[in-house]
Amino acid sequence: MAFLKELFHQNKSTLALLLLLALLPLLGDSALAWVLHHNRELLAQPTAWEMLLYFGVVAVAMTLALTHTTVVVLITAFYFNWAGFPGMLLTYMLAALFGHMLATTLDKGKLIRLLERFPKAHAVMHELRGDSWRLVLLTRLSPVLPFALITFILAVVGVPRRQFLTASVVGMLPRTLFFYWLGTKAQDVLLLIQDPDTGTAGKVLVALLLAVSAFGLYYLFTRALKRVLQKGVEKEHKNFS
């Protein structure tokens, strides 16, 4: 309880930003749907330069949590078909990189310094950083965890950038492939954004990814906690020896 109180008082700006990152995509998706509703041919038959501009814009939008990544995938697939898939993967990497850089710049190590005042919490975070690749992979597998929000959290707890980038792309690949395929089959982009019909197979896939992510994260956290407690017992045993 003391940790949570101090976390709130010492990191109000960080927590406010986390809340903003969770809510902004909802507004961004609505704005995007409105733009496409009034400009249905906006992305039809784009030139190479227009595609490059598009991917640059959506990279910034995903970095700043202005839209959900799934919506971007659906729109990209609808307009560009499979020719746009490599650009989509590159956009993920850029958004993850920019988000990591932005988070570390804004937080400036405040959260880590706070954790150092709570040895057990800091020790658990230290153990989790040892499993950085799997930690990032499991958070990216989940279709419900917001991209920019998770990017921010993982960055401020000190996940190394290289592992963060590679695991982010690998973790998002299964659901990206599915929703990209779904976007290529759609007939109307607005209906696609408002209600993507994933079908039975899609619902099973989403449920499976959620289960793997949830149980995997639970396993990582409990294992990290057990290691911390075990090290504490060993340290006390040495002190009494």
Protein backbone atom coordinates (compact mmCIF):
# COMPACT_ATOMS: atom_id res chain seq x y z
CA MET A 1 0.00 0.00 0.00
CA ALA A 2 2.83 2.40 0.86
CA PHE A 3 4.42 1.64 -2.50
CA LEU A 4 1.22 2.47 -4.40
CA LYS A 5 0.73 5.73 -2.48
CA GLU A 6 4.27 6.85 -3.18
CA LEU A 7 4.02 5.70 -6.77
CA PHE A 8 1.05 8.00 -7.27
CA HIS A 9 2.53 11.00 -5.45
CA GLN A 10 6.00 10.76 -6.99
CA ASN A 11 4.92 9.85 -10.53
CA LYS A 12 1.71 11.76 -11.18
CA SER A 13 2.86 12.86 -14.63
CA THR A 14 3.87 9.31 -15.60
CA LEU A 15 0.56 7.84 -14.40
CA ALA A 16 -1.41 10.59 -16.17
CA LEU A 17 0.44 9.78 -19.38
CA LEU A 18 -0.35 6.08 -18.97
CA LEU A 19 -4.05 6.90 -18.63
CA LEU A 20 -3.86 9.12 -21.71
CA LEU A 21 -2.18 6.35 -23.72
CA ALA A 22 -5.03 4.00 -22.80
CA LEU A 23 -7.82 6.41 -23.82
CA LEU A 24 -6.41 8.23 -26.85
CA PRO A 25 -6.74 5.33 -29.33
CA LEU A 26 -10.53 5.32 -28.87
CA LEU A 27 -10.70 8.95 -30.01
CA GLY A 28 -8.19 8.37 -32.78
CA ASP A 29 -10.15 5.43 -34.22
CA SER A 30 -13.32 7.53 -34.31
CA ALA A 31 -11.52 10.39 -36.05
CA LEU A 32 -9.99 8.00 -38.57
CA ALA A 33 -13.38 6.46 -39.36
CA TRP A 34 -14.82 9.95 -39.91
CA VAL A 35 -11.97 10.92 -42.29
CA LEU A 36 -12.35 7.73 -44.33
CA HIS A 37 -16.13 8.15 -44.40
CA HIS A 38 -15.78 11.57 -46.05
CA ASN A 39 -12.76 10.63 -48.17
CA ARG A 40 -13.39 7.06 -49.32
CA GLU A 41 -10.85 7.29 -52.16
CA LEU A 42 -8.13 8.87 -50.01
CA LEU A 43 -5.80 5.86 -50.13
CA ALA A 44 -7.02 4.31 -53.38
CA GLN A 45 -4.24 3.61 -55.94
CA PRO A 46 -1.45 5.33 -53.97
CA THR A 47 1.92 6.19 -55.47
CA ALA A 48 5.15 4.94 -53.86
CA TRP A 49 5.66 8.35 -52.20
CA GLU A 50 2.09 8.37 -50.89
CA MET A 51 2.61 4.91 -49.39
CA LEU A 52 5.83 6.07 -47.78
CA LEU A 53 4.05 9.11 -46.34
CA TYR A 54 1.21 6.91 -45.10
CA PHE A 55 3.53 4.56 -43.23
CA GLY A 56 5.37 7.51 -41.70
CA VAL A 57 2.10 9.02 -40.47
CA VAL A 58 0.77 5.77 -38.99
CA ALA A 59 4.13 5.11 -37.29
CA VAL A 60 3.77 8.44 -35.50
CA ALA A 61 0.09 7.74 -34.76
CA MET A 62 0.87 4.37 -33.17
CA THR A 63 3.80 5.84 -31.21
CA LEU A 64 1.56 8.53 -29.72
CA ALA A 65 -1.38 6.15 -29.18
CA LEU A 66 -3.57 8.05 -31.65
CA THR A 67 -5.07 4.82 -32.99
CA HIS A 68 -5.13 1.10 -32.27
CA THR A 69 -2.62 -1.02 -34.13
CA THR A 70 -5.32 -3.47 -35.24
CA VAL A 71 -7.20 -0.65 -36.99
CA VAL A 72 -4.01 0.40 -38.79
CA VAL A 73 -3.42 -3.21 -39.90
CA LEU A 74 -6.98 -3.54 -41.26
CA ILE A 75 -6.81 -0.25 -43.18
CA THR A 76 -3.35 -1.00 -44.58
CA ALA A 77 -4.46 -4.44 -45.77
CA PHE A 78 -7.68 -3.10 -47.29
CA TYR A 79 -5.98 -0.41 -49.39
CA PHE A 80 -2.52 -1.86 -50.12
CA ASN A 81 -3.17 -5.63 -50.07
CA TRP A 82 -0.11 -7.83 -49.37
CA ALA A 83 2.21 -5.33 -51.05
CA GLY A 84 1.88 -3.21 -47.90
CA PHE A 85 2.71 -5.97 -45.42
CA PRO A 86 6.51 -5.36 -45.28
CA GLY A 87 5.78 -1.68 -44.72
CA MET A 88 3.42 -2.61 -41.89
CA LEU A 89 6.14 -4.63 -40.14
CA LEU A 90 8.64 -1.79 -40.56
CA THR A 91 6.05 0.62 -39.16
CA TYR A 92 5.67 -1.58 -36.07
CA MET A 93 9.42 -1.45 -35.50
CA LEU A 94 9.57 2.32 -35.94
CA ALA A 95 6.60 2.88 -33.61
CA ALA A 96 8.13 0.58 -30.99
CA LEU A 97 11.53 2.30 -31.29
CA PHE A 98 10.11 5.84 -31.11
CA GLY A 99 7.83 4.84 -28.24
CA HIS A 100 10.72 3.34 -26.28
CA MET A 101 12.85 6.44 -26.83
CA LEU A 102 9.99 8.78 -25.91
CA ALA A 103 9.12 6.86 -22.73
CA THR A 104 12.70 6.79 -21.43
CA THR A 105 13.08 10.50 -22.20
CA LEU A 106 9.87 11.49 -20.41
CA ASP A 107 10.27 9.22 -17.39
CA LYS A 108 14.03 9.92 -16.95
CA GLY A 109 14.43 6.91 -14.65
CA LYS A 110 11.96 8.18 -12.02
CA LEU A 111 10.07 4.92 -11.75
CA ILE A 112 13.24 2.83 -11.38
CA ARG A 113 14.57 5.18 -8.69
CA LEU A 114 11.28 4.85 -6.83
CA LEU A 115 11.41 1.05 -7.08
CA GLU A 116 14.89 1.09 -5.54
CA ARG A 117 13.29 2.38 -2.32
CA PHE A 118 11.14 -0.79 -2.22
CA PRO A 119 13.65 -3.67 -2.36
CA LYS A 120 11.18 -6.48 -3.06
CA ALA A 121 9.42 -4.66 -5.90
CA HIS A 122 12.76 -3.62 -7.36
CA ALA A 123 14.09 -7.17 -7.08
CA VAL A 124 11.05 -8.57 -8.92
CA MET A 125 11.51 -6.02 -11.71
CA HIS A 126 15.19 -6.95 -11.90
CA GLU A 127 14.30 -10.63 -12.26
CA LEU A 128 11.72 -9.83 -14.94
CA ARG A 129 14.29 -7.84 -16.91
CA GLY A 130 16.33 -11.04 -17.00
CA ASP A 131 13.38 -12.52 -18.94
CA SER A 132 12.96 -9.41 -21.10
CA TRP A 133 12.51 -11.20 -24.41
CA ARG A 134 9.76 -13.48 -23.15
CA LEU A 135 8.14 -10.66 -21.18
CA VAL A 136 7.84 -8.46 -24.28
CA LEU A 137 6.76 -11.40 -26.46
CA LEU A 138 3.91 -12.33 -24.11
CA THR A 139 2.63 -8.76 -23.75
CA ARG A 140 2.64 -8.32 -27.53
CA LEU A 141 0.75 -11.57 -28.10
CA SER A 142 -2.29 -10.23 -26.26
CA PRO A 143 -4.80 -8.59 -28.62
CA VAL A 144 -6.27 -6.44 -25.81
CA LEU A 145 -3.17 -4.73 -24.37
CA PRO A 146 -2.71 -1.27 -25.98
CA PHE A 147 0.47 -1.03 -28.07
CA ALA A 148 1.67 2.42 -26.94
CA LEU A 149 0.74 1.84 -23.28
CA ILE A 150 2.69 -1.41 -23.09
CA THR A 151 5.60 0.19 -24.95
CA PHE A 152 5.75 2.93 -22.32
CA ILE A 153 5.57 0.53 -19.36
CA LEU A 154 8.23 -1.82 -20.71
CA ALA A 155 10.54 1.07 -21.53
CA VAL A 156 10.34 2.74 -18.10
CA VAL A 157 11.00 -0.53 -16.24
CA GLY A 158 14.24 -0.87 -18.16
CA VAL A 159 13.69 -3.52 -20.84
CA PRO A 160 16.73 -3.38 -23.19
CA ARG A 161 15.89 -1.73 -26.52
CA ARG A 162 17.21 -4.46 -28.85
CA GLN A 163 15.31 -7.25 -27.10
CA PHE A 164 12.26 -5.01 -26.90
CA LEU A 165 12.24 -4.37 -30.67
CA THR A 166 12.76 -7.95 -31.83
CA ALA A 167 10.31 -9.48 -29.35
CA SER A 168 7.70 -6.80 -30.18
CA VAL A 169 7.70 -7.69 -33.86
CA VAL A 170 7.70 -11.47 -33.25
CA GLY A 171 4.99 -11.22 -30.61
CA MET A 172 2.64 -9.15 -32.76
CA LEU A 173 3.18 -11.25 -35.89
CA PRO A 174 0.45 -13.91 -35.32
CA ARG A 175 -2.43 -11.49 -34.83
CA THR A 176 -1.02 -9.07 -37.41
CA LEU A 177 -1.03 -11.79 -40.06
CA PHE A 178 -4.60 -12.77 -39.22
CA PHE A 179 -6.04 -9.24 -39.19
CA TYR A 180 -4.04 -8.34 -42.30
CA TRP A 181 -5.54 -11.31 -44.11
CA LEU A 182 -8.98 -10.21 -42.86
CA GLY A 183 -8.40 -6.71 -44.23
CA THR A 184 -7.49 -8.00 -47.68
CA LYS A 185 -10.84 -9.84 -47.87
CA ALA A 186 -13.03 -6.89 -46.79
CA GLN A 187 -15.38 -5.05 -49.14
CA ASP A 188 -15.98 -1.86 -47.15
CA VAL A 189 -13.33 -0.15 -45.02
CA LEU A 190 -15.81 1.59 -42.69
CA LEU A 191 -17.61 -1.65 -41.86
CA LEU A 192 -14.20 -3.23 -41.40
CA ILE A 193 -13.18 -0.63 -38.80
CA GLN A 194 -16.50 -0.59 -36.99
CA ASP A 195 -17.09 -4.34 -36.87
CA PRO A 196 -14.40 -6.65 -38.27
CA ASP A 197 -16.11 -10.02 -38.61
CA THR A 198 -13.41 -12.39 -37.42
CA GLY A 199 -15.56 -15.50 -37.69
CA THR A 200 -15.23 -18.61 -35.53
CA ALA A 201 -11.58 -19.24 -36.42
CA GLY A 202 -10.69 -15.65 -35.59
CA LYS A 203 -12.44 -15.78 -32.22
CA VAL A 204 -10.59 -19.00 -31.39
CA LEU A 205 -7.27 -17.43 -32.37
CA VAL A 206 -7.92 -14.31 -30.27
CA ALA A 207 -8.93 -16.45 -27.28
CA LEU A 208 -5.83 -18.61 -27.72
CA LEU A 209 -3.50 -15.61 -27.88
CA LEU A 210 -5.16 -14.12 -24.79
CA ALA A 211 -4.75 -17.38 -22.88
CA VAL A 212 -1.10 -17.84 -23.86
CA SER A 213 -0.33 -14.23 -22.97
CA ALA A 214 -2.18 -14.30 -19.62
CA PHE A 215 -0.81 -17.63 -18.41
CA GLY A 216 2.67 -16.86 -19.72
CA LEU A 217 2.81 -13.52 -17.90
CA TYR A 218 1.46 -15.14 -14.72
CA TYR A 219 4.21 -17.76 -14.95
CA LEU A 220 6.94 -15.14 -15.45
CA PHE A 221 5.75 -12.99 -12.53
CA THR A 222 5.34 -15.90 -10.12
CA ARG A 223 8.72 -17.36 -11.09
CA ALA A 224 10.39 -13.96 -10.62
CA LEU A 225 8.73 -13.59 -7.20
CA LYS A 226 9.80 -17.09 -6.15
CA ARG A 227 13.41 -16.35 -7.13
CA VAL A 228 13.36 -13.13 -5.12
CA LEU A 229 11.94 -14.89 -2.06
CA GLN A 230 14.44 -17.74 -2.41
CA LYS A 231 17.35 -15.30 -2.58
CA GLY A 232 15.98 -13.56 0.52
CA VAL A 233 15.85 -16.86 2.42
CA GLU A 234 19.40 -17.75 1.33
CA LYS A 235 20.65 -14.32 2.39
CA GLU A 236 19.01 -14.63 5.83
CA HIS A 237 20.46 -18.13 6.20
CA LYS A 238 23.96 -16.82 5.49
CA ASN A 239 23.50 -13.98 7.97
CA PHE A 240 22.59 -16.46 10.73
CA SER A 241 25.38 -18.91 9.81
